[in-house]
Amino acid sequence: MSRSRRKTPIRGITTAETEAEDKAIWHRRHRRIEDARLKTAGPDFVAHHRNQHSSTWVMDKDGKQYFGSRYPELLRK
């Protein structure tokens, strides 16, 4: 795949390849807290917003960056 290139020149800012583990931890925490609240709440239960229990800035990848054609080595698969 020597000629394989990304179609969209956007990559994550850090060297982390994936956020799968961070997202799994976040979802477990969110489900655990909401389940406990649901068991103790009455009929007027309203779930918290999904971003209340975690922040994307705490995860390994802090966002994405547009590279364009300045760094062709970063666009290789």
PDB file of N, CA and C in Angstrom:
ATOM      1  N   MET A   1       0.832  -1.183   0.000  1.00  0.00           N
ATOM      2  CA  MET A   1       0.000   0.000   0.000  1.00  0.00           C
ATOM      3  C   MET A   1       0.877   1.247   0.000  1.00  0.00           C
ATOM      4  N   SER A   2       1.883   1.246  -0.824  1.00  0.00           N
ATOM      5  CA  SER A   2       2.811   2.371  -0.828  1.00  0.00           C
ATOM      6  C   SER A   2       2.180   3.651  -1.362  1.00  0.00           C
ATOM      7  N   ARG A   3       1.142   3.548  -2.158  1.00  0.00           N
ATOM      8  CA  ARG A   3       0.510   4.744  -2.702  1.00  0.00           C
ATOM      9  C   ARG A   3      -0.807   5.078  -2.013  1.00  0.00           C
ATOM     10  N   SER A   4      -1.095   4.403  -0.944  1.00  0.00           N
ATOM     11  CA  SER A   4      -2.343   4.623  -0.237  1.00  0.00           C
ATOM     12  C   SER A   4      -2.278   5.928   0.542  1.00  0.00           C
ATOM     13  N   ARG A   5      -3.230   6.808   0.322  1.00  0.00           N
ATOM     14  CA  ARG A   5      -3.273   8.108   0.979  1.00  0.00           C
ATOM     15  C   ARG A   5      -4.634   8.333   1.603  1.00  0.00           C
ATOM     16  N   ARG A   6      -4.665   9.155   2.636  1.00  0.00           N
ATOM     17  CA  ARG A   6      -5.932   9.540   3.245  1.00  0.00           C
ATOM     18  C   ARG A   6      -6.666  10.492   2.307  1.00  0.00           C
ATOM     19  N   LYS A   7      -7.983  10.331   2.228  1.00  0.00           N
ATOM     20  CA  LYS A   7      -8.770  11.227   1.390  1.00  0.00           C
ATOM     21  C   LYS A   7      -9.001  12.560   2.084  1.00  0.00           C
ATOM     22  N   THR A   8      -9.114  12.517   3.406  1.00  0.00           N
ATOM     23  CA  THR A   8      -9.325  13.736   4.178  1.00  0.00           C
ATOM     24  C   THR A   8      -8.067  14.015   4.993  1.00  0.00           C
ATOM     25  N   PRO A   9      -7.421  15.166   4.791  1.00  0.00           N
ATOM     26  CA  PRO A   9      -6.163  15.447   5.482  1.00  0.00           C
ATOM     27  C   PRO A   9      -6.376  15.939   6.917  1.00  0.00           C
ATOM     28  N   ILE A  10      -7.058  15.132   7.732  1.00  0.00           N
ATOM     29  CA  ILE A  10      -7.316  15.482   9.124  1.00  0.00           C
ATOM     30  C   ILE A  10      -6.845  14.326   9.994  1.00  0.00           C
ATOM     31  N   ARG A  11      -6.091  14.639  11.042  1.00  0.00           N
ATOM     32  CA  ARG A  11      -5.587  13.612  11.959  1.00  0.00           C
ATOM     33  C   ARG A  11      -5.750  14.089  13.385  1.00  0.00           C
ATOM     34  N   GLY A  12      -5.630  13.152  14.328  1.00  0.00           N
ATOM     35  CA  GLY A  12      -5.672  13.495  15.742  1.00  0.00           C
ATOM     36  C   GLY A  12      -4.435  14.274  16.142  1.00  0.00           C
ATOM     37  N   ILE A  13      -4.540  15.109  17.161  1.00  0.00           N
ATOM     38  CA  ILE A  13      -3.436  15.974  17.559  1.00  0.00           C
ATOM     39  C   ILE A  13      -2.331  15.193  18.272  1.00  0.00           C
ATOM     40  N   THR A  14      -2.661  14.206  19.089  1.00  0.00           N
ATOM     41  CA  THR A  14      -1.625  13.482  19.826  1.00  0.00           C
ATOM     42  C   THR A  14      -1.245  12.199  19.105  1.00  0.00           C
ATOM     43  N   THR A  15      -0.365  11.440  19.721  1.00  0.00           N
ATOM     44  CA  THR A  15       0.105  10.208  19.099  1.00  0.00           C
ATOM     45  C   THR A  15      -0.801   9.019  19.393  1.00  0.00           C
ATOM     46  N   ALA A  16      -1.849   9.207  20.180  1.00  0.00           N
ATOM     47  CA  ALA A  16      -2.773   8.106  20.481  1.00  0.00           C
ATOM     48  C   ALA A  16      -3.522   7.719  19.210  1.00  0.00           C
ATOM     49  N   GLU A  17      -3.594   6.450  18.939  1.00  0.00           N
ATOM     50  CA  GLU A  17      -4.273   5.973  17.741  1.00  0.00           C
ATOM     51  C   GLU A  17      -5.789   5.946  17.924  1.00  0.00           C
ATOM     52  N   THR A  18      -6.243   5.641  19.144  1.00  0.00           N
ATOM     53  CA  THR A  18      -7.668   5.479  19.347  1.00  0.00           C
ATOM     54  C   THR A  18      -8.081   5.966  20.735  1.00  0.00           C
ATOM     55  N   GLU A  19      -9.348   6.289  20.877  1.00  0.00           N
ATOM     56  CA  GLU A  19      -9.916   6.691  22.158  1.00  0.00           C
ATOM     57  C   GLU A  19     -10.864   5.627  22.694  1.00  0.00           C
ATOM     58  N   ALA A  20     -10.794   4.436  22.166  1.00  0.00           N
ATOM     59  CA  ALA A  20     -11.754   3.391  22.517  1.00  0.00           C
ATOM     60  C   ALA A  20     -11.758   3.093  24.013  1.00  0.00           C
ATOM     61  N   GLU A  21     -10.593   2.989  24.625  1.00  0.00           N
ATOM     62  CA  GLU A  21     -10.534   2.681  26.054  1.00  0.00           C
ATOM     63  C   GLU A  21     -11.092   3.837  26.893  1.00  0.00           C
ATOM     64  N   ASP A  22     -10.765   5.064  26.523  1.00  0.00           N
ATOM     65  CA  ASP A  22     -11.298   6.227  27.239  1.00  0.00           C
ATOM     66  C   ASP A  22     -12.813   6.299  27.134  1.00  0.00           C
ATOM     67  N   LYS A  23     -13.331   6.023  25.942  1.00  0.00           N
ATOM     68  CA  LYS A  23     -14.781   6.065  25.749  1.00  0.00           C
ATOM     69  C   LYS A  23     -15.482   4.955  26.520  1.00  0.00           C
ATOM     70  N   ALA A  24     -14.871   3.774  26.579  1.00  0.00           N
ATOM     71  CA  ALA A  24     -15.466   2.667  27.330  1.00  0.00           C
ATOM     72  C   ALA A  24     -15.525   2.994  28.815  1.00  0.00           C
ATOM     73  N   ILE A  25     -14.457   3.576  29.347  1.00  0.00           N
ATOM     74  CA  ILE A  25     -14.439   3.971  30.757  1.00  0.00           C
ATOM     75  C   ILE A  25     -15.494   5.032  31.017  1.00  0.00           C
ATOM     76  N   TRP A  26     -15.589   6.020  30.121  1.00  0.00           N
ATOM     77  CA  TRP A  26     -16.574   7.080  30.272  1.00  0.00           C
ATOM     78  C   TRP A  26     -17.995   6.526  30.240  1.00  0.00           C
ATOM     79  N   HIS A  27     -18.292   5.622  29.312  1.00  0.00           N
ATOM     80  CA  HIS A  27     -19.638   5.062  29.219  1.00  0.00           C
ATOM     81  C   HIS A  27     -19.982   4.222  30.445  1.00  0.00           C
ATOM     82  N   ARG A  28     -19.009   3.445  30.953  1.00  0.00           N
ATOM     83  CA  ARG A  28     -19.262   2.679  32.184  1.00  0.00           C
ATOM     84  C   ARG A  28     -19.586   3.605  33.342  1.00  0.00           C
ATOM     85  N   ARG A  29     -18.822   4.685  33.496  1.00  0.00           N
ATOM     86  CA  ARG A  29     -19.062   5.641  34.570  1.00  0.00           C
ATOM     87  C   ARG A  29     -20.440   6.282  34.419  1.00  0.00           C
ATOM     88  N   HIS A  30     -20.771   6.682  33.212  1.00  0.00           N
ATOM     89  CA  HIS A  30     -22.057   7.328  32.957  1.00  0.00           C
ATOM     90  C   HIS A  30     -23.225   6.381  33.259  1.00  0.00           C
ATOM     91  N   ARG A  31     -23.138   5.138  32.782  1.00  0.00           N
ATOM     92  CA  ARG A  31     -24.217   4.172  33.035  1.00  0.00           C
ATOM     93  C   ARG A  31     -24.351   3.848  34.514  1.00  0.00           C
ATOM     94  N   ARG A  32     -23.216   3.706  35.222  1.00  0.00           N
ATOM     95  CA  ARG A  32     -23.252   3.388  36.648  1.00  0.00           C
ATOM     96  C   ARG A  32     -23.924   4.504  37.444  1.00  0.00           C
ATOM     97  N   ILE A  33     -23.564   5.746  37.177  1.00  0.00           N
ATOM     98  CA  ILE A  33     -24.144   6.881  37.893  1.00  0.00           C
ATOM     99  C   ILE A  33     -25.623   7.031  37.566  1.00  0.00           C
ATOM    100  N   GLU A  34     -25.977   6.927  36.291  1.00  0.00           N
ATOM    101  CA  GLU A  34     -27.376   7.086  35.904  1.00  0.00           C
ATOM    102  C   GLU A  34     -28.239   5.942  36.430  1.00  0.00           C
ATOM    103  N   ASP A  35     -27.696   4.733  36.482  1.00  0.00           N
ATOM    104  CA  ASP A  35     -28.448   3.599  37.021  1.00  0.00           C
ATOM    105  C   ASP A  35     -28.721   3.791  38.512  1.00  0.00           C
ATOM    106  N   ALA A  36     -27.720   4.273  39.250  1.00  0.00           N
ATOM    107  CA  ALA A  36     -27.911   4.534  40.686  1.00  0.00           C
ATOM    108  C   ALA A  36     -28.945   5.641  40.895  1.00  0.00           C
ATOM    109  N   ARG A  37     -28.887   6.672  40.072  1.00  0.00           N
ATOM    110  CA  ARG A  37     -29.870   7.755  40.194  1.00  0.00           C
ATOM    111  C   ARG A  37     -31.273   7.272  39.848  1.00  0.00           C
ATOM    112  N   LEU A  38     -31.389   6.403  38.874  1.00  0.00           N
ATOM    113  CA  LEU A  38     -32.690   5.889  38.455  1.00  0.00           C
ATOM    114  C   LEU A  38     -33.329   5.043  39.550  1.00  0.00           C
ATOM    115  N   LYS A  39     -32.503   4.277  40.281  1.00  0.00           N
ATOM    116  CA  LYS A  39     -33.029   3.425  41.346  1.00  0.00           C
ATOM    117  C   LYS A  39     -33.562   4.242  42.521  1.00  0.00           C
ATOM    118  N   THR A  40     -32.962   5.404  42.783  1.00  0.00           N
ATOM    119  CA  THR A  40     -33.384   6.210  43.929  1.00  0.00           C
ATOM    120  C   THR A  40     -34.354   7.327  43.550  1.00  0.00           C
ATOM    121  N   ALA A  41     -34.469   7.629  42.268  1.00  0.00           N
ATOM    122  CA  ALA A  41     -35.323   8.748  41.843  1.00  0.00           C
ATOM    123  C   ALA A  41     -36.780   8.321  41.737  1.00  0.00           C
ATOM    124  N   GLY A  42     -37.608   9.306  41.747  1.00  0.00           N
ATOM    125  CA  GLY A  42     -39.038   9.061  41.604  1.00  0.00           C
ATOM    126  C   GLY A  42     -39.452   9.081  40.148  1.00  0.00           C
ATOM    127  N   PRO A  43     -40.730   9.309  39.918  1.00  0.00           N
ATOM    128  CA  PRO A  43     -41.235   9.295  38.541  1.00  0.00           C
ATOM    129  C   PRO A  43     -40.796  10.502  37.707  1.00  0.00           C
ATOM    130  N   ASP A  44     -40.205  11.501  38.339  1.00  0.00           N
ATOM    131  CA  ASP A  44     -39.782  12.705  37.613  1.00  0.00           C
ATOM    132  C   ASP A  44     -38.300  12.656  37.243  1.00  0.00           C
ATOM    133  N   PHE A  45     -37.792  11.460  36.985  1.00  0.00           N
ATOM    134  CA  PHE A  45     -36.369  11.277  36.680  1.00  0.00           C
ATOM    135  C   PHE A  45     -36.027  11.902  35.335  1.00  0.00           C
ATOM    136  N   VAL A  46     -34.974  12.719  35.337  1.00  0.00           N
ATOM    137  CA  VAL A  46     -34.439  13.302  34.108  1.00  0.00           C
ATOM    138  C   VAL A  46     -32.951  12.982  34.083  1.00  0.00           C
ATOM    139  N   ALA A  47     -32.497  12.359  33.014  1.00  0.00           N
ATOM    140  CA  ALA A  47     -31.095  11.954  32.910  1.00  0.00           C
ATOM    141  C   ALA A  47     -30.196  13.173  32.766  1.00  0.00           C
ATOM    142  N   HIS A  48     -28.969  13.053  33.290  1.00  0.00           N
ATOM    143  CA  HIS A  48     -27.975  14.107  33.123  1.00  0.00           C
ATOM    144  C   HIS A  48     -27.521  14.145  31.671  1.00  0.00           C
ATOM    145  N   HIS A  49     -26.970  15.272  31.272  1.00  0.00           N
ATOM    146  CA  HIS A  49     -26.396  15.367  29.935  1.00  0.00           C
ATOM    147  C   HIS A  49     -25.180  14.451  29.860  1.00  0.00           C
ATOM    148  N   ARG A  50     -24.932  13.886  28.713  1.00  0.00           N
ATOM    149  CA  ARG A  50     -23.861  12.894  28.576  1.00  0.00           C
ATOM    150  C   ARG A  50     -22.481  13.471  28.841  1.00  0.00           C
ATOM    151  N   ASN A  51     -22.289  14.780  28.684  1.00  0.00           N
ATOM    152  CA  ASN A  51     -20.975  15.380  28.922  1.00  0.00           C
ATOM    153  C   ASN A  51     -20.756  15.803  30.369  1.00  0.00           C
ATOM    154  N   GLN A  52     -21.702  15.551  31.228  1.00  0.00           N
ATOM    155  CA  GLN A  52     -21.571  15.979  32.611  1.00  0.00           C
ATOM    156  C   GLN A  52     -20.589  15.105  33.397  1.00  0.00           C
ATOM    157  N   HIS A  53     -20.383  13.866  32.997  1.00  0.00           N
ATOM    158  CA  HIS A  53     -19.540  12.946  33.754  1.00  0.00           C
ATOM    159  C   HIS A  53     -18.111  12.860  33.231  1.00  0.00           C
ATOM    160  N   SER A  54     -17.824  13.487  32.126  1.00  0.00           N
ATOM    161  CA  SER A  54     -16.481  13.437  31.571  1.00  0.00           C
ATOM    162  C   SER A  54     -16.287  14.594  30.609  1.00  0.00           C
ATOM    163  N   SER A  55     -15.057  14.763  30.170  1.00  0.00           N
ATOM    164  CA  SER A  55     -14.729  15.824  29.223  1.00  0.00           C
ATOM    165  C   SER A  55     -13.862  15.237  28.121  1.00  0.00           C
ATOM    166  N   THR A  56     -14.059  15.689  26.911  1.00  0.00           N
ATOM    167  CA  THR A  56     -13.228  15.210  25.806  1.00  0.00           C
ATOM    168  C   THR A  56     -11.794  15.705  25.938  1.00  0.00           C
ATOM    169  N   TRP A  57     -11.573  16.745  26.721  1.00  0.00           N
ATOM    170  CA  TRP A  57     -10.217  17.272  26.910  1.00  0.00           C
ATOM    171  C   TRP A  57      -9.392  16.397  27.838  1.00  0.00           C
ATOM    172  N   VAL A  58     -10.034  15.490  28.573  1.00  0.00           N
ATOM    173  CA  VAL A  58      -9.329  14.594  29.479  1.00  0.00           C
ATOM    174  C   VAL A  58      -8.862  13.339  28.740  1.00  0.00           C
ATOM    175  N   MET A  59      -9.485  13.030  27.632  1.00  0.00           N
ATOM    176  CA  MET A  59      -9.170  11.819  26.879  1.00  0.00           C
ATOM    177  C   MET A  59      -7.829  11.952  26.162  1.00  0.00           C
ATOM    178  N   ASP A  60      -7.331  10.821  25.630  1.00  0.00           N
ATOM    179  CA  ASP A  60      -6.004  10.797  25.008  1.00  0.00           C
ATOM    180  C   ASP A  60      -5.882  11.731  23.805  1.00  0.00           C
ATOM    181  N   LYS A  61      -6.880  11.741  22.955  1.00  0.00           N
ATOM    182  CA  LYS A  61      -6.833  12.608  21.781  1.00  0.00           C
ATOM    183  C   LYS A  61      -7.607  13.889  22.084  1.00  0.00           C
ATOM    184  N   ASP A  62      -6.938  15.007  21.930  1.00  0.00           N
ATOM    185  CA  ASP A  62      -7.546  16.288  22.287  1.00  0.00           C
ATOM    186  C   ASP A  62      -8.255  16.956  21.128  1.00  0.00           C
ATOM    187  N   GLY A  63      -8.549  16.255  20.099  1.00  0.00           N
ATOM    188  CA  GLY A  63      -9.221  16.854  18.966  1.00  0.00           C
ATOM    189  C   GLY A  63      -8.528  16.481  17.679  1.00  0.00           C
ATOM    190  N   LYS A  64      -8.831  17.212  16.632  1.00  0.00           N
ATOM    191  CA  LYS A  64      -8.255  16.922  15.331  1.00  0.00           C
ATOM    192  C   LYS A  64      -7.681  18.194  14.725  1.00  0.00           C
ATOM    193  N   GLN A  65      -6.799  18.003  13.745  1.00  0.00           N
ATOM    194  CA  GLN A  65      -6.150  19.129  13.101  1.00  0.00           C
ATOM    195  C   GLN A  65      -6.103  18.888  11.597  1.00  0.00           C
ATOM    196  N   TYR A  66      -6.310  19.937  10.827  1.00  0.00           N
ATOM    197  CA  TYR A  66      -6.250  19.882   9.372  1.00  0.00           C
ATOM    198  C   TYR A  66      -4.802  20.078   8.934  1.00  0.00           C
ATOM    199  N   PHE A  67      -4.281  19.163   8.113  1.00  0.00           N
ATOM    200  CA  PHE A  67      -2.892  19.247   7.694  1.00  0.00           C
ATOM    201  C   PHE A  67      -2.719  19.762   6.272  1.00  0.00           C
ATOM    202  N   GLY A  68      -3.677  19.515   5.408  1.00  0.00           N
ATOM    203  CA  GLY A  68      -3.535  19.954   4.031  1.00  0.00           C
ATOM    204  C   GLY A  68      -2.417  19.221   3.326  1.00  0.00           C
ATOM    205  N   SER A  69      -1.747  19.871   2.410  1.00  0.00           N
ATOM    206  CA  SER A  69      -0.670  19.221   1.654  1.00  0.00           C
ATOM    207  C   SER A  69       0.708  19.576   2.189  1.00  0.00           C
ATOM    208  N   ARG A  70       0.780  20.226   3.338  1.00  0.00           N
ATOM    209  CA  ARG A  70       2.076  20.628   3.892  1.00  0.00           C
ATOM    210  C   ARG A  70       2.894  19.452   4.388  1.00  0.00           C
ATOM    211  N   TYR A  71       2.221  18.408   4.929  1.00  0.00           N
ATOM    212  CA  TYR A  71       2.918  17.270   5.508  1.00  0.00           C
ATOM    213  C   TYR A  71       2.443  15.979   4.844  1.00  0.00           C
ATOM    214  N   PRO A  72       2.959  15.647   3.682  1.00  0.00           N
ATOM    215  CA  PRO A  72       2.489  14.447   2.990  1.00  0.00           C
ATOM    216  C   PRO A  72       2.797  13.153   3.729  1.00  0.00           C
ATOM    217  N   GLU A  73       3.821  13.141   4.592  1.00  0.00           N
ATOM    218  CA  GLU A  73       4.147  11.920   5.327  1.00  0.00           C
ATOM    219  C   GLU A  73       3.069  11.591   6.372  1.00  0.00           C
ATOM    220  N   LEU A  74       2.332  12.584   6.831  1.00  0.00           N
ATOM    221  CA  LEU A  74       1.272  12.346   7.805  1.00  0.00           C
ATOM    222  C   LEU A  74      -0.011  11.841   7.154  1.00  0.00           C
ATOM    223  N   LEU A  75      -0.094  11.955   5.851  1.00  0.00           N
ATOM    224  CA  LEU A  75      -1.290  11.538   5.136  1.00  0.00           C
ATOM    225  C   LEU A  75      -1.209  10.100   4.653  1.00  0.00           C
ATOM    226  N   ARG A  76      -0.097   9.417   4.878  1.00  0.00           N
ATOM    227  CA  ARG A  76       0.010   8.012   4.476  1.00  0.00           C
ATOM    228  C   ARG A  76      -0.757   7.138   5.435  1.00  0.00           C
ATOM    229  N   LYS A  77      -1.328   6.071   4.928  1.00  0.00           N
ATOM    230  CA  LYS A  77      -2.065   5.121   5.769  1.00  0.00           C
ATOM    231  C   LYS A  77      -1.118   4.128   6.374  1.00  0.00           C
TER     232      LYS A  77
END
